[in-house]
Structure formats: structure tokens, C-alpha cells
PDB file of N, CA and C in Angstrom:
ATOM      1  N   UNK A   1     -97.334   8.842 -97.685  1.00  0.00           N
ATOM      2  CA  UNK A   1     -98.095   9.008 -96.501  1.00  0.00           C
ATOM      3  C   UNK A   1     -99.331   8.223 -96.634  1.00  0.00           C
ATOM      4  N   UNK A   2     -99.617   7.432 -95.514  1.00  0.00           N
ATOM      5  CA  UNK A   2    -100.809   6.561 -95.675  1.00  0.00           C
ATOM      6  C   UNK A   2    -102.054   7.376 -95.310  1.00  0.00           C
ATOM      7  N   UNK A   3    -103.167   7.022 -95.897  1.00  0.00           N
ATOM      8  CA  UNK A   3    -104.475   7.630 -95.679  1.00  0.00           C
ATOM      9  C   UNK A   3    -105.187   6.976 -94.404  1.00  0.00           C
ATOM     10  N   UNK A   4    -104.692   7.342 -93.285  1.00  0.00           N
ATOM     11  CA  UNK A   4    -105.223   6.817 -92.080  1.00  0.00           C
ATOM     12  C   UNK A   4    -105.437   7.933 -90.985  1.00  0.00           C
ATOM     13  N   UNK A   5    -106.299   7.777 -90.163  1.00  0.00           N
ATOM     14  CA  UNK A   5    -106.579   8.638 -89.006  1.00  0.00           C
ATOM     15  C   UNK A   5    -105.402   8.826 -88.067  1.00  0.00           C
ATOM     16  N   UNK A   6    -104.999  10.139 -87.809  1.00  0.00           N
ATOM     17  CA  UNK A   6    -103.891  10.270 -86.921  1.00  0.00           C
ATOM     18  C   UNK A   6    -104.171   9.978 -85.464  1.00  0.00           C
ATOM     19  N   UNK A   7    -105.436   9.912 -85.266  1.00  0.00           N
ATOM     20  CA  UNK A   7    -105.829   9.756 -83.808  1.00  0.00           C
ATOM     21  C   UNK A   7    -106.089   8.313 -83.533  1.00  0.00           C
ATOM     22  N   UNK A   8    -107.080   7.725 -84.224  1.00  0.00           N
ATOM     23  CA  UNK A   8    -107.384   6.221 -83.837  1.00  0.00           C
ATOM     24  C   UNK A   8    -106.763   5.343 -84.906  1.00  0.00           C
ATOM     25  N   UNK A   9    -106.089   5.755 -85.989  1.00  0.00           N
ATOM     26  CA  UNK A   9    -105.410   4.712 -86.824  1.00  0.00           C
ATOM     27  C   UNK A   9    -106.301   4.076 -87.851  1.00  0.00           C
ATOM     28  N   UNK A  10    -107.663   4.523 -87.955  1.00  0.00           N
ATOM     29  CA  UNK A  10    -108.519   3.917 -88.855  1.00  0.00           C
ATOM     30  C   UNK A  10    -108.062   3.984 -90.309  1.00  0.00           C
ATOM     31  N   UNK A  11    -108.008   3.032 -91.064  1.00  0.00           N
ATOM     32  CA  UNK A  11    -107.531   2.975 -92.455  1.00  0.00           C
ATOM     33  C   UNK A  11    -108.372   2.210 -93.309  1.00  0.00           C
ATOM     34  N   UNK A  12    -108.082   2.051 -94.529  1.00  0.00           N
ATOM     35  CA  UNK A  12    -108.987   1.447 -95.527  1.00  0.00           C
ATOM     36  C   UNK A  12    -109.219  -0.033 -95.169  1.00  0.00           C
ATOM     37  N   UNK A  13    -110.341  -0.572 -95.602  1.00  0.00           N
ATOM     38  CA  UNK A  13    -110.703  -1.930 -95.465  1.00  0.00           C
ATOM     39  C   UNK A  13    -111.122  -2.464 -96.742  1.00  0.00           C
ATOM     40  N   UNK A  14    -110.866  -3.700 -97.046  1.00  0.00           N
ATOM     41  CA  UNK A  14    -111.022  -4.383 -98.240  1.00  0.00           C
ATOM     42  C   UNK A  14    -112.143  -5.467 -98.050  1.00  0.00           C
ATOM     43  N   UNK A  15    -112.739  -5.635 -99.231  1.00  0.00           N
ATOM     44  CA  UNK A  15    -113.899  -6.711 -99.315  1.00  0.00           C
ATOM     45  C   UNK A  15    -114.145  -7.048-100.712  1.00  0.00           C
ATOM     46  N   UNK A  16    -115.260  -7.608-101.043  1.00  0.00           N
ATOM     47  CA  UNK A  16    -115.743  -7.976-102.318  1.00  0.00           C
ATOM     48  C   UNK A  16    -116.832  -7.169-102.857  1.00  0.00           C
ATOM     49  N   UNK A  17    -116.848  -6.788-104.096  1.00  0.00           N
ATOM     50  CA  UNK A  17    -118.042  -6.085-104.878  1.00  0.00           C
ATOM     51  C   UNK A  17    -118.702  -7.369-105.423  1.00  0.00           C
ATOM     52  N   UNK A  18    -119.948  -7.575-105.023  1.00  0.00           N
ATOM     53  CA  UNK A  18    -120.767  -8.715-105.499  1.00  0.00           C
ATOM     54  C   UNK A  18    -121.845  -8.241-106.440  1.00  0.00           C
ATOM     55  N   UNK A  19    -121.911  -8.690-107.630  1.00  0.00           N
ATOM     56  CA  UNK A  19    -122.802  -8.462-108.626  1.00  0.00           C
ATOM     57  C   UNK A  19    -124.075  -9.275-108.518  1.00  0.00           C
ATOM     58  N   UNK A  20    -125.179  -8.975-109.256  1.00  0.00           N
ATOM     59  CA  UNK A  20    -126.362  -9.706-109.207  1.00  0.00           C
ATOM     60  C   UNK A  20    -126.127 -11.255-109.646  1.00  0.00           C
ATOM     61  N   UNK A  21    -125.044 -11.556-110.524  1.00  0.00           N
ATOM     62  CA  UNK A  21    -124.674 -12.775-110.901  1.00  0.00           C
ATOM     63  C   UNK A  21    -123.779 -13.412-109.921  1.00  0.00           C
ATOM     64  N   UNK A  22    -123.515 -12.797-108.793  1.00  0.00           N
ATOM     65  CA  UNK A  22    -122.646 -13.303-107.727  1.00  0.00           C
ATOM     66  C   UNK A  22    -121.144 -13.459-108.183  1.00  0.00           C
ATOM     67  N   UNK A  23    -120.761 -12.434-109.116  1.00  0.00           N
ATOM     68  CA  UNK A  23    -119.421 -12.411-109.500  1.00  0.00           C
ATOM     69  C   UNK A  23    -118.810 -11.565-108.506  1.00  0.00           C
ATOM     70  N   UNK A  24    -117.657 -11.901-108.094  1.00  0.00           N
ATOM     71  CA  UNK A  24    -116.866 -11.020-107.034  1.00  0.00           C
ATOM     72  C   UNK A  24    -115.561 -10.441-107.424  1.00  0.00           C
ATOM     73  N   UNK A  25    -115.406  -9.198-107.222  1.00  0.00           N
ATOM     74  CA  UNK A  25    -114.144  -8.563-107.451  1.00  0.00           C
ATOM     75  C   UNK A  25    -113.809  -7.679-106.267  1.00  0.00           C
ATOM     76  N   UNK A  26    -112.554  -7.446-106.091  1.00  0.00           N
ATOM     77  CA  UNK A  26    -112.156  -6.580-104.697  1.00  0.00           C
ATOM     78  C   UNK A  26    -112.472  -5.255-104.953  1.00  0.00           C
ATOM     79  N   UNK A  27    -112.768  -4.684-103.751  1.00  0.00           N
ATOM     80  CA  UNK A  27    -113.108  -3.196-103.625  1.00  0.00           C
ATOM     81  C   UNK A  27    -112.652  -2.757-102.259  1.00  0.00           C
ATOM     82  N   UNK A  28    -112.565  -1.509-102.096  1.00  0.00           N
ATOM     83  CA  UNK A  28    -111.941  -0.963-100.802  1.00  0.00           C
ATOM     84  C   UNK A  28    -112.965   0.070-100.177  1.00  0.00           C
ATOM     85  N   UNK A  29    -112.987   0.252 -98.959  1.00  0.00           N
ATOM     86  CA  UNK A  29    -113.816   1.176 -98.360  1.00  0.00           C
ATOM     87  C   UNK A  29    -112.756   2.176 -97.586  1.00  0.00           C
ATOM     88  N   UNK A  30    -112.849   3.452 -97.871  1.00  0.00           N
ATOM     89  CA  UNK A  30    -111.907   4.436 -97.315  1.00  0.00           C
ATOM     90  C   UNK A  30    -112.579   5.240 -96.230  1.00  0.00           C
ATOM     91  N   UNK A  31    -111.839   5.600 -95.105  1.00  0.00           N
ATOM     92  CA  UNK A  31    -112.498   6.334 -93.922  1.00  0.00           C
ATOM     93  C   UNK A  31    -112.778   7.738 -94.465  1.00  0.00           C
ATOM     94  N   UNK A  32    -113.724   8.357 -93.920  1.00  0.00           N
ATOM     95  CA  UNK A  32    -113.977   9.855 -94.202  1.00  0.00           C
ATOM     96  C   UNK A  32    -113.043  10.604 -93.392  1.00  0.00           C
ATOM     97  N   UNK A  33    -111.875  10.974 -94.098  1.00  0.00           N
ATOM     98  CA  UNK A  33    -110.836  11.716 -93.447  1.00  0.00           C
ATOM     99  C   UNK A  33    -110.878  13.269 -93.776  1.00  0.00           C
ATOM    100  N   UNK A  34    -110.651  14.053 -92.641  1.00  0.00           N
ATOM    101  CA  UNK A  34    -110.667  15.512 -92.928  1.00  0.00           C
ATOM    102  C   UNK A  34    -109.415  16.189 -92.411  1.00  0.00           C
ATOM    103  N   UNK A  35    -108.993  17.096 -93.194  1.00  0.00           N
ATOM    104  CA  UNK A  35    -107.839  17.788 -92.677  1.00  0.00           C
ATOM    105  C   UNK A  35    -108.308  18.907 -91.673  1.00  0.00           C
ATOM    106  N   UNK A  36    -107.748  18.704 -90.513  1.00  0.00           N
ATOM    107  CA  UNK A  36    -108.243  19.672 -89.414  1.00  0.00           C
ATOM    108  C   UNK A  36    -107.135  20.354 -88.737  1.00  0.00           C
ATOM    109  N   UNK A  37    -107.361  21.457 -88.396  1.00  0.00           N
ATOM    110  CA  UNK A  37    -106.279  22.388 -87.710  1.00  0.00           C
ATOM    111  C   UNK A  37    -106.499  22.038 -86.334  1.00  0.00           C
ATOM    112  N   UNK A  38    -105.564  21.324 -85.630  1.00  0.00           N
ATOM    113  CA  UNK A  38    -105.736  20.722 -84.245  1.00  0.00           C
ATOM    114  C   UNK A  38    -104.630  21.154 -83.366  1.00  0.00           C
ATOM    115  N   UNK A  39    -104.971  21.036 -82.134  1.00  0.00           N
ATOM    116  CA  UNK A  39    -103.895  21.412 -81.058  1.00  0.00           C
ATOM    117  C   UNK A  39    -103.435  20.051 -80.424  1.00  0.00           C
ATOM    118  N   UNK A  40    -102.123  19.831 -80.757  1.00  0.00           N
ATOM    119  CA  UNK A  40    -101.526  18.649 -80.244  1.00  0.00           C
ATOM    120  C   UNK A  40    -100.329  18.984 -79.343  1.00  0.00           C
ATOM    121  N   UNK A  41    -100.457  18.589 -78.057  1.00  0.00           N
ATOM    122  CA  UNK A  41     -99.394  18.791 -77.097  1.00  0.00           C
ATOM    123  C   UNK A  41     -98.845  20.229 -77.153  1.00  0.00           C
ATOM    124  N   UNK A  42     -99.678  21.105 -77.234  1.00  0.00           N
ATOM    125  CA  UNK A  42     -99.469  22.662 -77.169  1.00  0.00           C
ATOM    126  C   UNK A  42     -98.922  23.134 -78.441  1.00  0.00           C
ATOM    127  N   UNK A  43     -98.909  22.409 -79.532  1.00  0.00           N
ATOM    128  CA  UNK A  43     -98.521  22.859 -80.816  1.00  0.00           C
ATOM    129  C   UNK A  43     -99.659  22.869 -81.727  1.00  0.00           C
ATOM    130  N   UNK A  44     -99.884  23.768 -82.727  1.00  0.00           N
ATOM    131  CA  UNK A  44    -101.099  23.749 -83.629  1.00  0.00           C
ATOM    132  C   UNK A  44    -100.417  23.243 -84.990  1.00  0.00           C
ATOM    133  N   UNK A  45    -101.041  22.155 -85.463  1.00  0.00           N
ATOM    134  CA  UNK A  45    -100.714  21.641 -86.740  1.00  0.00           C
ATOM    135  C   UNK A  45    -102.009  20.929 -87.446  1.00  0.00           C
ATOM    136  N   UNK A  46    -101.748  20.749 -88.695  1.00  0.00           N
ATOM    137  CA  UNK A  46    -102.764  20.130 -89.441  1.00  0.00           C
ATOM    138  C   UNK A  46    -102.703  18.526 -89.349  1.00  0.00           C
ATOM    139  N   UNK A  47    -103.826  17.990 -89.039  1.00  0.00           N
ATOM    140  CA  UNK A  47    -103.688  16.373 -89.004  1.00  0.00           C
ATOM    141  C   UNK A  47    -104.882  15.898 -89.890  1.00  0.00           C
ATOM    142  N   UNK A  48    -104.753  14.748 -90.145  1.00  0.00           N
ATOM    143  CA  UNK A  48    -105.912  13.844 -90.833  1.00  0.00           C
ATOM    144  C   UNK A  48    -106.699  13.087 -89.768  1.00  0.00           C
ATOM    145  N   UNK A  49    -107.932  13.465 -89.581  1.00  0.00           N
ATOM    146  CA  UNK A  49    -108.674  12.823 -88.639  1.00  0.00           C
ATOM    147  C   UNK A  49    -109.992  12.255 -89.156  1.00  0.00           C
ATOM    148  N   UNK A  50    -110.553  11.197 -88.763  1.00  0.00           N
ATOM    149  CA  UNK A  50    -111.836  10.691 -89.306  1.00  0.00           C
ATOM    150  C   UNK A  50    -112.900  11.424 -88.600  1.00  0.00           C
ATOM    151  N   UNK A  51    -114.102  11.528 -89.176  1.00  0.00           N
ATOM    152  CA  UNK A  51    -115.136  12.249 -88.727  1.00  0.00           C
ATOM    153  C   UNK A  51    -115.629  11.677 -87.298  1.00  0.00           C
ATOM    154  N   UNK A  52    -115.519  10.578 -87.099  1.00  0.00           N
ATOM    155  CA  UNK A  52    -115.900   9.830 -85.868  1.00  0.00           C
ATOM    156  C   UNK A  52    -115.025  10.506 -84.660  1.00  0.00           C
ATOM    157  N   UNK A  53    -113.822  10.665 -84.853  1.00  0.00           N
ATOM    158  CA  UNK A  53    -112.950  11.180 -83.927  1.00  0.00           C
ATOM    159  C   UNK A  53    -113.212  12.609 -83.495  1.00  0.00           C
ATOM    160  N   UNK A  54    -113.520  13.430 -84.686  1.00  0.00           N
ATOM    161  CA  UNK A  54    -113.905  14.919 -84.652  1.00  0.00           C
ATOM    162  C   UNK A  54    -115.178  14.943 -83.856  1.00  0.00           C
ATOM    163  N   UNK A  55    -116.096  14.107 -84.238  1.00  0.00           N
ATOM    164  CA  UNK A  55    -117.415  14.302 -83.554  1.00  0.00           C
ATOM    165  C   UNK A  55    -117.566  13.883 -82.230  1.00  0.00           C
ATOM    166  N   UNK A  56    -116.587  12.937 -81.851  1.00  0.00           N
ATOM    167  CA  UNK A  56    -116.670  12.377 -80.304  1.00  0.00           C
ATOM    168  C   UNK A  56    -115.798  13.264 -79.483  1.00  0.00           C
ATOM    169  N   UNK A  57    -115.036  14.221 -79.924  1.00  0.00           N
ATOM    170  CA  UNK A  57    -114.198  15.157 -79.190  1.00  0.00           C
ATOM    171  C   UNK A  57    -112.912  14.631 -78.904  1.00  0.00           C
ATOM    172  N   UNK A  58    -112.454  13.623 -79.701  1.00  0.00           N
ATOM    173  CA  UNK A  58    -111.049  13.285 -79.351  1.00  0.00           C
ATOM    174  C   UNK A  58    -110.013  14.317 -80.076  1.00  0.00           C
ATOM    175  N   UNK A  59    -110.504  15.133 -80.810  1.00  0.00           N
ATOM    176  CA  UNK A  59    -109.724  16.126 -81.669  1.00  0.00           C
ATOM    177  C   UNK A  59    -109.888  17.495 -80.983  1.00  0.00           C
ATOM    178  N   UNK A  60    -108.934  18.218 -80.462  1.00  0.00           N
ATOM    179  CA  UNK A  60    -109.153  19.553 -79.995  1.00  0.00           C
ATOM    180  C   UNK A  60    -108.857  20.555 -81.071  1.00  0.00           C
ATOM    181  N   UNK A  61    -109.739  21.157 -81.517  1.00  0.00           N
ATOM    182  CA  UNK A  61    -109.614  22.048 -82.717  1.00  0.00           C
ATOM    183  C   UNK A  61    -108.881  23.381 -82.116  1.00  0.00           C
ATOM    184  N   UNK A  62    -107.944  23.894 -83.040  1.00  0.00           N
ATOM    185  CA  UNK A  62    -107.198  25.061 -82.791  1.00  0.00           C
ATOM    186  C   UNK A  62    -108.144  26.344 -83.220  1.00  0.00           C
ATOM    187  N   UNK A  63    -107.744  27.463 -82.527  1.00  0.00           N
ATOM    188  CA  UNK A  63    -108.680  28.634 -82.800  1.00  0.00           C
ATOM    189  C   UNK A  63    -108.313  29.052 -84.172  1.00  0.00           C
ATOM    190  N   UNK A  64    -109.206  29.644 -84.878  1.00  0.00           N
ATOM    191  CA  UNK A  64    -109.173  30.216 -86.175  1.00  0.00           C
ATOM    192  C   UNK A  64    -108.336  31.544 -86.061  1.00  0.00           C
ATOM    193  N   UNK A  65    -107.262  31.667 -87.017  1.00  0.00           N
ATOM    194  CA  UNK A  65    -106.703  32.820 -87.010  1.00  0.00           C
ATOM    195  C   UNK A  65    -107.418  33.837 -87.819  1.00  0.00           C
ATOM    196  N   UNK A  66    -107.532  35.042 -87.487  1.00  0.00           N
ATOM    197  CA  UNK A  66    -108.221  36.202 -88.310  1.00  0.00           C
ATOM    198  C   UNK A  66    -107.240  37.033 -88.887  1.00  0.00           C
ATOM    199  N   UNK A  67    -107.631  37.502 -90.147  1.00  0.00           N
ATOM    200  CA  UNK A  67    -106.658  38.459 -90.955  1.00  0.00           C
ATOM    201  C   UNK A  67    -106.625  39.689 -90.302  1.00  0.00           C
ATOM    202  N   UNK A  68    -105.386  40.211 -90.259  1.00  0.00           N
ATOM    203  CA  UNK A  68    -105.212  41.657 -89.654  1.00  0.00           C
ATOM    204  C   UNK A  68    -105.483  42.583 -90.767  1.00  0.00           C
ATOM    205  N   UNK A  69    -106.335  43.681 -90.386  1.00  0.00           N
ATOM    206  CA  UNK A  69    -106.736  44.589 -91.466  1.00  0.00           C
ATOM    207  C   UNK A  69    -105.625  45.732 -91.605  1.00  0.00           C
TER     208      UNK A  69
END
């Protein structure tokens, strides 16, 4: 399973780690993904969504289930 947002498809990006001596080595930036209980097409399931999608309202959160006493 790839670590990418189920809504917008944001995934890792790569670049260089640059030291003070200008030595370069590869590094990655990973998106801030959260496991969210979301409502998708009438069904409730867990998805991986980036915080930007959650904050902008692209993810419709499902209602929390309460424990029966």
C-alpha cells in the first residue's frame, strides 16, 4: 500500500540533503497523512488523508460511534 492521500493523491517527494560543505545526498519529504473515519459514497470507512484535505473540507468525517452501556 502506497503512502499517499486517498483524496488528492499527494505522495512523497524527493530532493537533496545539502550539508554546510555542499555535500549532497538524497532525502524524502513525506506528506502528513492521518487515518480518518470518513463517509465515502454513503459507506463509512477508514482512509488516509493529508491534513490539507481534512482542513479544507474535502473529507466528510463520519459520526463517532458511542459505546452502548
